[in-house]
Amino acid sequence: MAARHVIFVGRVQGVGFRYTAHRIAHRHQLAGFVRNLPDGTVEMLAQGLAQDIDDCIQDIKEYFGDYLRETRIQEIPTDPKYKDFRIAF
């Protein structure tokens, strides 16, 4: 198991980003959350198999291509409290 904290920077709010990221994360069988942050970025915490997390992030980047300016990814410890993937508010 692996976990990553991801910040997506760009035009990522108001474009269906969270809902699409949720769908993609669910397809990759990940746990965690995605949410908008007050500074206009989107935060995602993803847990699962490392390759599934990488594939999920890549799918999101491909889907939102021109909307993204930067993707910051940080390895973090896994947290057993995350059992599924949710949209946080």
Protein backbone atom coordinates (compact mmCIF):
# COMPACT_ATOMS: atom_id res chain seq x y z
CA MET A 1 0.00 0.00 0.00
CA ALA A 2 1.07 3.54 -0.77
CA ALA A 3 -0.35 7.00 -0.18
CA ARG A 4 0.16 10.28 -1.98
CA HIS A 5 -0.92 13.84 -1.29
CA VAL A 6 -1.52 15.70 -4.54
CA ILE A 7 -2.19 19.37 -5.26
CA PHE A 8 -3.52 20.21 -8.72
CA VAL A 9 -2.85 23.81 -9.79
CA GLY A 10 -4.54 25.58 -12.69
CA ARG A 11 -8.14 26.06 -13.75
CA VAL A 12 -9.34 23.18 -11.60
CA GLN A 13 -12.39 24.59 -9.85
CA GLY A 14 -15.73 24.97 -11.58
CA VAL A 15 -14.88 22.49 -14.35
CA GLY A 16 -16.11 19.22 -12.80
CA PHE A 17 -12.63 18.35 -11.57
CA ARG A 18 -13.63 16.76 -8.25
CA TYR A 19 -16.36 14.63 -9.77
CA THR A 20 -14.12 13.41 -12.58
CA ALA A 21 -11.24 12.74 -10.16
CA HIS A 22 -13.68 10.80 -7.94
CA ARG A 23 -14.80 8.66 -10.88
CA ILE A 24 -11.20 7.99 -11.97
CA ALA A 25 -10.04 7.17 -8.41
CA HIS A 26 -12.98 4.79 -7.99
CA ARG A 27 -12.06 3.06 -11.26
CA HIS A 28 -8.53 2.52 -9.88
CA GLN A 29 -9.95 1.22 -6.56
CA LEU A 30 -8.32 3.92 -4.44
CA ALA A 31 -9.26 5.29 -1.03
CA GLY A 32 -8.99 8.89 0.10
CA PHE A 33 -10.60 12.16 -0.90
CA VAL A 34 -10.58 15.08 -3.31
CA ARG A 35 -11.58 18.63 -2.35
CA ASN A 36 -11.36 22.26 -3.42
CA LEU A 37 -9.05 24.49 -1.42
CA PRO A 38 -9.65 28.20 -0.77
CA ASP A 39 -6.61 29.20 -2.85
CA GLY A 40 -8.20 27.82 -6.05
CA THR A 41 -6.28 24.52 -6.13
CA VAL A 42 -7.64 21.01 -5.69
CA GLU A 43 -6.23 18.64 -3.07
CA MET A 44 -6.32 14.87 -3.41
CA LEU A 45 -5.21 12.20 -0.99
CA ALA A 46 -5.00 8.79 -2.65
CA GLN A 47 -4.22 5.43 -1.07
CA GLY A 48 -3.88 2.07 -2.75
CA LEU A 49 -1.37 0.21 -4.84
CA ALA A 50 1.40 2.56 -5.97
CA GLN A 51 0.85 1.77 -9.65
CA ASP A 52 -2.89 2.42 -9.32
CA ILE A 53 -2.21 5.82 -7.73
CA ASP A 54 0.25 6.70 -10.50
CA ASP A 55 -2.24 5.58 -13.16
CA CYS A 56 -5.03 7.60 -11.53
CA ILE A 57 -2.93 10.77 -11.42
CA GLN A 58 -1.87 10.25 -15.04
CA ASP A 59 -5.50 9.73 -16.13
CA ILE A 60 -6.53 12.94 -14.36
CA LYS A 61 -3.66 14.85 -15.97
CA GLU A 62 -4.60 13.54 -19.42
CA TYR A 63 -8.29 14.32 -18.95
CA PHE A 64 -7.69 17.90 -17.76
CA GLY A 65 -4.54 18.53 -19.83
CA ASP A 66 -4.83 22.21 -20.71
CA TYR A 67 -6.50 23.10 -17.40
CA LEU A 68 -3.47 22.02 -15.34
CA ARG A 69 -0.40 24.18 -14.84
CA GLU A 70 1.25 22.09 -12.13
CA THR A 71 0.77 18.87 -10.20
CA ARG A 72 2.55 18.58 -6.84
CA ILE A 73 2.88 15.03 -5.54
CA GLN A 74 4.17 14.06 -2.11
CA GLU A 75 4.55 10.55 -0.65
CA ILE A 76 2.81 10.29 2.74
CA PRO A 77 2.16 7.51 5.26
CA THR A 78 -0.99 5.47 4.71
CA ASP A 79 -3.93 6.06 7.05
CA PRO A 80 -6.32 3.17 7.77
CA LYS A 81 -9.26 5.53 8.30
CA TYR A 82 -9.70 5.88 4.52
CA LYS A 83 -11.79 2.95 3.30
CA ASP A 84 -13.22 4.47 0.12
CA PHE A 85 -12.78 7.54 -2.06
CA ARG A 86 -14.95 10.57 -1.41
CA ILE A 87 -15.51 14.12 -2.51
CA ALA A 88 -14.88 16.28 0.54
CA PHE A 89 -16.43 19.68 1.06
